Amino acid sequence: MESFLNGVSNICYCFEQLNELSKRRSGESMKMKEIIAKEEVAKELARQEIEKYEAAAREASYLKECSEREASERKETELKAIRAAKEKEKLEDALSGSTPQYRKFTWDEIVLATSSFSEDLRIGMGAYGMVYKCTLHHTTVAVKVLHSAGISQSKQFQQEVWKLYEYIEYENIVL
């Protein structure tokens, strides 16, 4: 009978241990559910932060494009104002009679007048280079751009220019 009582006692002890393990498992399960819930909340917050970051990046990119476009427009406007001021000065000089008989033009003026040597303004090609039609100081002129090979034959080029002077009475030749 003693062994029966020991067996019952062992069974009761096992049931107690089983109940305690079951309670622990329930507690651990609850903790796990809380951790999973917190992880889901953290994932949602991370997703929202990523969306905010992407929206801020798009807005920054848009603002950068706007500022670059505005800077470009401002620079273009400033260049137009400078050109207009130079043109006004040239007109005032022409009206006041202080314009010299022969004018020297800067390379920038020639490039601007020929629209950077646009094909649309090209009127021909001579032995020494391309010829462009443009307007400098309200006067239509022809601009000849020498090839580097033509420079070594500058004597022939000078002869060609003097022939032009002999046959053409055209005061608007740019050299």
N, C-alpha and C. Protein backbone atom coordinates (compact mmCIF):
# COMPACT_ATOMS: atom_id res chain seq x y z
N MET A 1 0.81 -1.15 0.00
CA MET A 1 0.00 0.00 0.00
C MET A 1 0.88 1.26 0.00
N GLU A 2 1.98 1.13 0.62
CA GLU A 2 2.90 2.25 0.64
C GLU A 2 3.35 2.60 -0.78
N SER A 3 3.58 1.62 -1.58
CA SER A 3 3.99 1.89 -2.95
C SER A 3 2.85 2.53 -3.73
N PHE A 4 1.61 2.18 -3.38
CA PHE A 4 0.47 2.80 -4.04
C PHE A 4 0.42 4.27 -3.69
N LEU A 5 0.62 4.57 -2.38
CA LEU A 5 0.58 5.95 -1.92
C LEU A 5 1.74 6.74 -2.54
N ASN A 6 2.89 6.10 -2.66
CA ASN A 6 4.03 6.77 -3.31
C ASN A 6 3.71 7.04 -4.78
N GLY A 7 3.07 6.10 -5.42
CA GLY A 7 2.70 6.29 -6.83
C GLY A 7 1.71 7.41 -7.00
N VAL A 8 0.69 7.49 -6.10
CA VAL A 8 -0.31 8.57 -6.16
C VAL A 8 0.38 9.89 -5.88
N SER A 9 1.28 9.89 -4.90
CA SER A 9 2.00 11.10 -4.55
C SER A 9 2.84 11.58 -5.73
N ASN A 10 3.48 10.66 -6.42
CA ASN A 10 4.28 11.02 -7.59
C ASN A 10 3.40 11.56 -8.71
N ILE A 11 2.24 10.97 -8.87
CA ILE A 11 1.30 11.43 -9.90
C ILE A 11 0.84 12.84 -9.58
N CYS A 12 0.52 13.10 -8.30
CA CYS A 12 0.07 14.45 -7.89
C CYS A 12 1.19 15.46 -8.14
N TYR A 13 2.43 15.06 -7.77
CA TYR A 13 3.57 15.94 -7.98
C TYR A 13 3.75 16.23 -9.48
N CYS A 14 3.58 15.23 -10.31
CA CYS A 14 3.70 15.40 -11.76
C CYS A 14 2.62 16.33 -12.28
N PHE A 15 1.40 16.17 -11.76
CA PHE A 15 0.32 17.07 -12.19
C PHE A 15 0.61 18.51 -11.78
N GLU A 16 1.15 18.69 -10.58
CA GLU A 16 1.51 20.03 -10.11
C GLU A 16 2.57 20.64 -11.04
N GLN A 17 3.59 19.82 -11.34
CA GLN A 17 4.64 20.28 -12.23
C GLN A 17 4.09 20.61 -13.63
N LEU A 18 3.17 19.75 -14.10
CA LEU A 18 2.54 19.97 -15.40
C LEU A 18 1.74 21.26 -15.40
N ASN A 19 0.98 21.50 -14.32
CA ASN A 19 0.20 22.75 -14.21
C ASN A 19 1.12 23.96 -14.18
N GLU A 20 2.24 23.84 -13.42
CA GLU A 20 3.19 24.95 -13.34
C GLU A 20 3.83 25.23 -14.71
N LEU A 21 4.21 24.17 -15.42
CA LEU A 21 4.78 24.33 -16.76
C LEU A 21 3.75 24.92 -17.72
N SER A 22 2.51 24.49 -17.57
CA SER A 22 1.44 25.02 -18.42
C SER A 22 1.24 26.51 -18.18
N LYS A 23 1.30 26.91 -16.88
CA LYS A 23 1.17 28.34 -16.54
C LYS A 23 2.34 29.14 -17.14
N ARG A 24 3.56 28.58 -17.01
CA ARG A 24 4.73 29.25 -17.57
C ARG A 24 4.61 29.40 -19.08
N ARG A 25 4.17 28.29 -19.71
CA ARG A 25 3.99 28.31 -21.16
C ARG A 25 2.97 29.37 -21.55
N SER A 26 1.87 29.47 -20.82
CA SER A 26 0.86 30.50 -21.08
C SER A 26 1.46 31.89 -20.93
N GLY A 27 2.25 32.08 -19.85
CA GLY A 27 2.89 33.37 -19.63
C GLY A 27 3.86 33.71 -20.75
N GLU A 28 4.68 32.72 -21.14
CA GLU A 28 5.62 32.92 -22.23
C GLU A 28 4.89 33.20 -23.54
N SER A 29 3.78 32.50 -23.75
CA SER A 29 2.97 32.71 -24.95
C SER A 29 2.42 34.13 -24.98
N MET A 30 1.96 34.61 -23.83
CA MET A 30 1.45 35.98 -23.75
C MET A 30 2.57 36.99 -24.04
N LYS A 31 3.76 36.73 -23.45
CA LYS A 31 4.90 37.61 -23.70
C LYS A 31 5.26 37.60 -25.18
N MET A 32 5.22 36.42 -25.80
CA MET A 32 5.54 36.29 -27.21
C MET A 32 4.54 37.07 -28.05
N LYS A 33 3.25 36.99 -27.71
CA LYS A 33 2.22 37.74 -28.44
C LYS A 33 2.44 39.24 -28.29
N GLU A 34 2.84 39.68 -27.08
CA GLU A 34 3.13 41.09 -26.86
C GLU A 34 4.33 41.53 -27.70
N ILE A 35 5.36 40.69 -27.73
CA ILE A 35 6.56 41.01 -28.52
C ILE A 35 6.21 41.09 -30.00
N ILE A 36 5.39 40.13 -30.48
CA ILE A 36 4.98 40.13 -31.88
C ILE A 36 4.16 41.38 -32.18
N ALA A 37 3.27 41.75 -31.26
CA ALA A 37 2.45 42.95 -31.46
C ALA A 37 3.34 44.20 -31.50
N LYS A 38 4.33 44.28 -30.60
CA LYS A 38 5.25 45.42 -30.58
C LYS A 38 6.07 45.45 -31.87
N GLU A 39 6.47 44.26 -32.33
CA GLU A 39 7.23 44.19 -33.57
C GLU A 39 6.40 44.70 -34.75
N GLU A 40 5.13 44.35 -34.80
CA GLU A 40 4.23 44.83 -35.85
C GLU A 40 4.08 46.35 -35.79
N VAL A 41 3.95 46.88 -34.57
CA VAL A 41 3.86 48.34 -34.40
C VAL A 41 5.15 49.00 -34.89
N ALA A 42 6.30 48.40 -34.53
CA ALA A 42 7.59 48.95 -34.95
C ALA A 42 7.72 48.90 -36.47
N LYS A 43 7.28 47.79 -37.09
CA LYS A 43 7.32 47.70 -38.54
C LYS A 43 6.46 48.77 -39.18
N GLU A 44 5.27 49.00 -38.64
CA GLU A 44 4.38 50.03 -39.19
C GLU A 44 5.00 51.42 -39.05
N LEU A 45 5.61 51.69 -37.89
CA LEU A 45 6.28 52.98 -37.69
C LEU A 45 7.44 53.14 -38.68
N ALA A 46 8.19 52.06 -38.89
CA ALA A 46 9.31 52.11 -39.84
C ALA A 46 8.79 52.37 -41.25
N ARG A 47 7.68 51.71 -41.64
CA ARG A 47 7.09 51.93 -42.96
C ARG A 47 6.66 53.39 -43.12
N GLN A 48 6.03 53.93 -42.06
CA GLN A 48 5.60 55.33 -42.11
C GLN A 48 6.80 56.27 -42.22
N GLU A 49 7.87 55.97 -41.50
CA GLU A 49 9.07 56.81 -41.58
C GLU A 49 9.70 56.73 -42.97
N ILE A 50 9.69 55.54 -43.56
CA ILE A 50 10.23 55.39 -44.92
C ILE A 50 9.40 56.22 -45.89
N GLU A 51 8.09 56.18 -45.74
CA GLU A 51 7.22 56.99 -46.61
C GLU A 51 7.51 58.47 -46.44
N LYS A 52 7.69 58.91 -45.19
CA LYS A 52 8.01 60.32 -44.92
C LYS A 52 9.35 60.69 -45.56
N TYR A 53 10.35 59.79 -45.42
CA TYR A 53 11.66 60.05 -46.00
C TYR A 53 11.57 60.16 -47.51
N GLU A 54 10.85 59.22 -48.13
CA GLU A 54 10.72 59.24 -49.59
C GLU A 54 9.99 60.50 -50.06
N ALA A 55 8.95 60.89 -49.33
CA ALA A 55 8.23 62.12 -49.69
C ALA A 55 9.15 63.34 -49.54
N ALA A 56 9.94 63.36 -48.46
CA ALA A 56 10.87 64.48 -48.26
C ALA A 56 11.95 64.49 -49.35
N ALA A 57 12.40 63.31 -49.74
CA ALA A 57 13.42 63.23 -50.81
C ALA A 57 12.84 63.72 -52.13
N ARG A 58 11.59 63.35 -52.43
CA ARG A 58 10.95 63.83 -53.67
C ARG A 58 10.78 65.35 -53.62
N GLU A 59 10.37 65.86 -52.49
CA GLU A 59 10.18 67.31 -52.37
C GLU A 59 11.52 68.03 -52.49
N ALA A 60 12.56 67.48 -51.88
CA ALA A 60 13.89 68.10 -51.98
C ALA A 60 14.38 68.09 -53.43
N SER A 61 14.14 67.01 -54.12
CA SER A 61 14.53 66.92 -55.53
C SER A 61 13.77 67.95 -56.36
N TYR A 62 12.48 68.07 -56.11
CA TYR A 62 11.66 69.04 -56.83
C TYR A 62 12.15 70.46 -56.54
N LEU A 63 12.42 70.76 -55.27
CA LEU A 63 12.89 72.09 -54.91
C LEU A 63 14.26 72.38 -55.52
N LYS A 64 15.11 71.36 -55.59
CA LYS A 64 16.41 71.54 -56.23
C LYS A 64 16.24 71.87 -57.70
N GLU A 65 15.36 71.12 -58.39
CA GLU A 65 15.09 71.40 -59.80
C GLU A 65 14.56 72.80 -59.98
N CYS A 66 13.63 73.21 -59.09
CA CYS A 66 13.06 74.57 -59.19
C CYS A 66 14.14 75.62 -58.99
N SER A 67 15.00 75.42 -58.00
CA SER A 67 16.05 76.42 -57.75
C SER A 67 17.05 76.47 -58.89
N GLU A 68 17.38 75.30 -59.46
CA GLU A 68 18.30 75.29 -60.61
C GLU A 68 17.67 75.99 -61.81
N ARG A 69 16.38 75.73 -62.04
CA ARG A 69 15.68 76.38 -63.15
C ARG A 69 15.62 77.89 -62.92
N GLU A 70 15.32 78.28 -61.67
CA GLU A 70 15.26 79.70 -61.34
C GLU A 70 16.62 80.37 -61.51
N ALA A 71 17.68 79.68 -61.09
CA ALA A 71 19.03 80.24 -61.24
C ALA A 71 19.38 80.39 -62.71
N SER A 72 19.00 79.39 -63.50
CA SER A 72 19.27 79.45 -64.94
C SER A 72 18.50 80.61 -65.58
N GLU A 73 17.23 80.74 -65.20
CA GLU A 73 16.43 81.84 -65.75
C GLU A 73 16.99 83.19 -65.32
N ARG A 74 17.43 83.27 -64.06
CA ARG A 74 18.00 84.53 -63.56
C ARG A 74 19.27 84.87 -64.34
N LYS A 75 20.12 83.86 -64.57
CA LYS A 75 21.36 84.09 -65.30
C LYS A 75 21.05 84.52 -66.73
N GLU A 76 20.08 83.86 -67.36
CA GLU A 76 19.69 84.22 -68.72
C GLU A 76 19.16 85.65 -68.76
N THR A 77 18.36 86.01 -67.78
CA THR A 77 17.82 87.37 -67.71
C THR A 77 18.94 88.39 -67.52
N GLU A 78 19.91 88.04 -66.67
CA GLU A 78 21.05 88.95 -66.46
C GLU A 78 21.84 89.12 -67.75
N LEU A 79 22.06 88.01 -68.47
CA LEU A 79 22.78 88.11 -69.74
C LEU A 79 22.01 88.97 -70.74
N LYS A 80 20.69 88.80 -70.79
CA LYS A 80 19.88 89.62 -71.68
C LYS A 80 19.98 91.09 -71.30
N ALA A 81 19.97 91.36 -70.00
CA ALA A 81 20.09 92.75 -69.54
C ALA A 81 21.45 93.32 -69.93
N ILE A 82 22.50 92.53 -69.79
CA ILE A 82 23.85 92.99 -70.17
C ILE A 82 23.90 93.26 -71.67
N ARG A 83 23.34 92.33 -72.46
CA ARG A 83 23.31 92.53 -73.92
C ARG A 83 22.53 93.78 -74.27
N ALA A 84 21.38 93.96 -73.60
CA ALA A 84 20.55 95.13 -73.89
C ALA A 84 21.30 96.41 -73.53
N ALA A 85 22.02 96.40 -72.42
CA ALA A 85 22.78 97.58 -72.01
C ALA A 85 23.89 97.88 -73.02
N LYS A 86 24.57 96.82 -73.48
CA LYS A 86 25.62 97.01 -74.49
C LYS A 86 25.03 97.54 -75.79
N GLU A 87 23.90 96.98 -76.16
CA GLU A 87 23.24 97.41 -77.40
C GLU A 87 22.80 98.88 -77.28
N LYS A 88 22.28 99.21 -76.10
CA LYS A 88 21.87 100.60 -75.87
C LYS A 88 23.07 101.53 -75.97
N GLU A 89 24.17 101.11 -75.38
CA GLU A 89 25.39 101.91 -75.45
C GLU A 89 25.86 102.07 -76.89
N LYS A 90 25.79 101.01 -77.66
CA LYS A 90 26.18 101.07 -79.06
C LYS A 90 25.29 102.02 -79.85
N LEU A 91 23.99 101.94 -79.59
CA LEU A 91 23.05 102.83 -80.27
C LEU A 91 23.31 104.28 -79.89
N GLU A 92 23.57 104.51 -78.60
CA GLU A 92 23.85 105.88 -78.16
C GLU A 92 25.13 106.40 -78.83
N ASP A 93 26.13 105.53 -78.93
CA ASP A 93 27.37 105.91 -79.61
C ASP A 93 27.10 106.24 -81.08
N ALA A 94 26.28 105.41 -81.72
CA ALA A 94 25.97 105.63 -83.13
C ALA A 94 25.20 106.93 -83.31
N LEU A 95 24.27 107.22 -82.42
CA LEU A 95 23.48 108.45 -82.53
C LEU A 95 24.30 109.69 -82.21
N SER A 96 25.25 109.54 -81.30
CA SER A 96 26.05 110.71 -80.93
C SER A 96 27.17 110.97 -81.94
N GLY A 97 27.38 110.06 -82.85
CA GLY A 97 28.40 110.25 -83.86
C GLY A 97 29.79 109.90 -83.37
N SER A 98 29.87 109.30 -82.19
CA SER A 98 31.20 108.96 -81.66
C SER A 98 31.65 107.57 -82.08
N THR A 99 30.90 106.96 -82.99
CA THR A 99 31.27 105.63 -83.47
C THR A 99 32.46 105.75 -84.40
N PRO A 100 33.53 105.01 -84.16
CA PRO A 100 34.69 105.10 -85.05
C PRO A 100 34.37 104.54 -86.43
N GLN A 101 35.18 104.94 -87.41
CA GLN A 101 34.94 104.49 -88.77
C GLN A 101 35.11 102.98 -88.87
N TYR A 102 36.08 102.43 -88.18
CA TYR A 102 36.28 100.99 -88.16
C TYR A 102 36.09 100.51 -86.73
N ARG A 103 35.34 99.44 -86.61
CA ARG A 103 35.07 98.90 -85.27
C ARG A 103 35.79 97.57 -85.11
N LYS A 104 36.21 97.31 -83.92
CA LYS A 104 36.76 96.01 -83.57
C LYS A 104 35.69 95.27 -82.78
N PHE A 105 35.54 94.01 -83.11
CA PHE A 105 34.54 93.19 -82.42
C PHE A 105 35.26 92.13 -81.61
N THR A 106 34.72 91.86 -80.44
CA THR A 106 35.31 90.80 -79.62
C THR A 106 34.85 89.45 -80.15
N TRP A 107 35.59 88.45 -79.77
CA TRP A 107 35.24 87.08 -80.19
C TRP A 107 33.85 86.73 -79.66
N ASP A 108 33.55 87.14 -78.43
CA ASP A 108 32.24 86.85 -77.84
C ASP A 108 31.11 87.50 -78.64
N GLU A 109 31.34 88.72 -79.13
CA GLU A 109 30.33 89.38 -79.95
C GLU A 109 30.08 88.62 -81.25
N ILE A 110 31.15 88.14 -81.85
CA ILE A 110 31.02 87.41 -83.12
C ILE A 110 30.32 86.06 -82.88
N VAL A 111 30.71 85.38 -81.81
CA VAL A 111 30.07 84.09 -81.48
C VAL A 111 28.58 84.31 -81.21
N LEU A 112 28.26 85.36 -80.48
CA LEU A 112 26.85 85.66 -80.18
C LEU A 112 26.09 86.00 -81.46
N ALA A 113 26.68 86.82 -82.31
CA ALA A 113 26.01 87.24 -83.54
C ALA A 113 25.78 86.08 -84.50
N THR A 114 26.71 85.11 -84.51
CA THR A 114 26.57 83.97 -85.42
C THR A 114 25.88 82.79 -84.76
N SER A 115 25.32 83.02 -83.56
CA SER A 115 24.66 81.94 -82.79
C SER A 115 25.59 80.74 -82.67
N SER A 116 26.79 81.02 -82.22
CA SER A 116 27.84 79.99 -82.06
C SER A 116 28.12 79.29 -83.39
N PHE A 117 28.19 80.10 -84.44
CA PHE A 117 28.49 79.62 -85.79
C PHE A 117 27.48 78.56 -86.23
N SER A 118 26.22 78.95 -86.12
CA SER A 118 25.11 78.06 -86.47
C SER A 118 25.11 77.74 -87.96
N GLU A 119 24.77 76.49 -88.26
CA GLU A 119 24.67 76.05 -89.66
C GLU A 119 23.61 76.88 -90.40
N ASP A 120 22.59 77.33 -89.66
CA ASP A 120 21.52 78.12 -90.29
C ASP A 120 22.05 79.45 -90.83
N LEU A 121 23.14 79.96 -90.24
CA LEU A 121 23.68 81.25 -90.66
C LEU A 121 24.87 81.10 -91.62
N ARG A 122 25.26 79.88 -91.92
CA ARG A 122 26.38 79.66 -92.83
C ARG A 122 25.91 79.95 -94.25
N ILE A 123 26.70 80.80 -94.94
CA ILE A 123 26.32 81.16 -96.32
C ILE A 123 27.31 80.62 -97.34
N GLY A 124 28.39 80.02 -96.87
CA GLY A 124 29.33 79.46 -97.83
C GLY A 124 30.58 78.95 -97.17
N MET A 125 31.42 78.41 -98.04
CA MET A 125 32.70 77.89 -97.57
C MET A 125 33.75 78.24 -98.60
N GLY A 126 34.76 78.97 -98.15
CA GLY A 126 35.84 79.34 -99.06
C GLY A 126 37.01 78.40 -98.88
N ALA A 127 38.08 78.72 -99.55
CA ALA A 127 39.27 77.88 -99.49
C ALA A 127 39.89 77.91 -98.09
N TYR A 128 39.60 78.94 -97.33
CA TYR A 128 40.26 79.10 -96.04
C TYR A 128 39.32 78.92 -94.86
N GLY A 129 38.04 78.73 -95.12
CA GLY A 129 37.13 78.52 -94.00
C GLY A 129 35.69 78.83 -94.34
N MET A 130 34.85 78.71 -93.34
CA MET A 130 33.41 78.92 -93.47
C MET A 130 33.09 80.41 -93.44
N VAL A 131 31.99 80.77 -94.12
CA VAL A 131 31.53 82.16 -94.13
C VAL A 131 30.12 82.18 -93.55
N TYR A 132 29.90 83.09 -92.60
CA TYR A 132 28.62 83.18 -91.91
C TYR A 132 28.04 84.57 -92.09
N LYS A 133 26.73 84.64 -92.18
CA LYS A 133 26.02 85.91 -92.25
C LYS A 133 25.49 86.20 -90.85
N CYS A 134 25.71 87.44 -90.41
CA CYS A 134 25.19 87.80 -89.10
C CYS A 134 25.01 89.31 -89.04
N THR A 135 24.51 89.76 -87.91
CA THR A 135 24.29 91.19 -87.71
C THR A 135 25.12 91.64 -86.52
N LEU A 136 25.97 92.64 -86.76
CA LEU A 136 26.79 93.24 -85.70
C LEU A 136 26.47 94.72 -85.66
N HIS A 137 26.04 95.19 -84.54
CA HIS A 137 25.68 96.61 -84.36
C HIS A 137 24.69 97.07 -85.43
N HIS A 138 23.65 96.31 -85.62
CA HIS A 138 22.55 96.62 -86.54
C HIS A 138 23.02 96.66 -88.00
N THR A 139 24.09 95.98 -88.29
CA THR A 139 24.60 95.95 -89.66
C THR A 139 24.83 94.50 -90.05
N THR A 140 24.32 94.13 -91.24
CA THR A 140 24.52 92.78 -91.72
C THR A 140 25.93 92.65 -92.27
N VAL A 141 26.64 91.62 -91.79
CA VAL A 141 28.02 91.42 -92.21
C VAL A 141 28.25 89.95 -92.53
N ALA A 142 29.36 89.70 -93.23
CA ALA A 142 29.80 88.33 -93.48
C ALA A 142 31.05 88.10 -92.64
N VAL A 143 31.08 86.97 -91.93
CA VAL A 143 32.21 86.63 -91.07
C VAL A 143 32.85 85.37 -91.63
N LYS A 144 34.13 85.44 -91.90
CA LYS A 144 34.84 84.27 -92.41
C LYS A 144 35.73 83.75 -91.28
N VAL A 145 35.60 82.46 -90.99
CA VAL A 145 36.39 81.82 -89.94
C VAL A 145 37.44 80.97 -90.62
N LEU A 146 38.71 81.30 -90.36
CA LEU A 146 39.82 80.59 -91.01
C LEU A 146 40.01 79.21 -90.42
N HIS A 147 40.34 78.25 -91.28
CA HIS A 147 40.79 76.94 -90.83
C HIS A 147 42.21 77.11 -90.33
N SER A 148 42.63 76.25 -89.43
CA SER A 148 44.00 76.36 -88.94
C SER A 148 45.00 76.13 -90.08
N ALA A 149 44.64 75.30 -91.05
CA ALA A 149 45.53 75.08 -92.19
C ALA A 149 45.64 76.35 -93.04
N GLY A 150 44.58 77.14 -93.09
CA GLY A 150 44.57 78.36 -93.89
C GLY A 150 45.45 79.45 -93.33
N ILE A 151 45.74 79.38 -92.04
CA ILE A 151 46.56 80.42 -91.42
C ILE A 151 47.97 80.38 -91.98
N SER A 152 48.47 79.20 -92.26
CA SER A 152 49.83 79.12 -92.79
C SER A 152 49.90 79.70 -94.20
N GLN A 153 48.79 79.84 -94.86
CA GLN A 153 48.74 80.41 -96.20
C GLN A 153 48.13 81.81 -96.15
N SER A 154 48.47 82.56 -95.10
CA SER A 154 47.83 83.85 -94.89
C SER A 154 48.12 84.84 -96.02
N LYS A 155 49.22 84.71 -96.72
CA LYS A 155 49.52 85.61 -97.84
C LYS A 155 48.45 85.46 -98.92
N GLN A 156 48.10 84.20 -99.21
CA GLN A 156 47.05 83.97 -100.20
C GLN A 156 45.72 84.52 -99.69
N PHE A 157 45.46 84.37 -98.41
CA PHE A 157 44.23 84.88 -97.83
C PHE A 157 44.18 86.41 -97.96
N GLN A 158 45.29 87.07 -97.67
CA GLN A 158 45.34 88.53 -97.81
C GLN A 158 45.08 88.94 -99.25
N GLN A 159 45.63 88.19 -100.20
CA GLN A 159 45.38 88.51 -101.61
C GLN A 159 43.89 88.36 -101.93
N GLU A 160 43.28 87.33 -101.36
CA GLU A 160 41.85 87.12 -101.60
C GLU A 160 41.03 88.29 -101.04
N VAL A 161 41.42 88.76 -99.84
CA VAL A 161 40.71 89.89 -99.23
C VAL A 161 40.91 91.15 -100.06
N TRP A 162 42.13 91.41 -100.57
CA TRP A 162 42.36 92.59 -101.38
C TRP A 162 41.58 92.53 -102.69
N LYS A 163 41.41 91.34 -103.25
CA LYS A 163 40.57 91.21 -104.44
C LYS A 163 39.14 91.60 -104.12
N LEU A 164 38.69 91.22 -102.93
CA LEU A 164 37.34 91.61 -102.51
C LEU A 164 37.24 93.13 -102.45
N TYR A 165 38.23 93.78 -101.87
CA TYR A 165 38.22 95.24 -101.78
C TYR A 165 38.20 95.88 -103.17
N GLU A 166 38.92 95.28 -104.11
CA GLU A 166 38.98 95.85 -105.45
C GLU A 166 37.63 95.75 -106.17
N TYR A 167 36.95 94.59 -106.01
CA TYR A 167 35.73 94.36 -106.79
C TYR A 167 34.45 94.75 -106.07
N ILE A 168 34.50 94.79 -104.76
CA ILE A 168 33.27 95.04 -104.00
C ILE A 168 33.45 96.29 -103.16
N GLU A 169 32.47 97.15 -103.28
CA GLU A 169 32.47 98.32 -102.43
C GLU A 169 31.52 98.01 -101.28
N TYR A 170 32.03 97.22 -100.34
CA TYR A 170 31.22 96.76 -99.24
C TYR A 170 31.97 97.11 -97.96
N GLU A 171 31.40 98.01 -97.20
CA GLU A 171 32.12 98.52 -96.04
C GLU A 171 32.01 97.61 -94.81
N ASN A 172 31.18 96.60 -94.88
CA ASN A 172 30.95 95.77 -93.68
C ASN A 172 31.65 94.42 -93.80
N ILE A 173 32.95 94.48 -93.89
CA ILE A 173 33.76 93.25 -93.94
C ILE A 173 34.42 93.11 -92.60
N VAL A 174 34.27 91.94 -91.98
CA VAL A 174 34.86 91.68 -90.66
C VAL A 174 36.13 90.88 -90.89
N LEU A 175 37.26 91.39 -90.42
CA LEU A 175 38.56 90.70 -90.53
C LEU A 175 39.00 90.23 -89.18
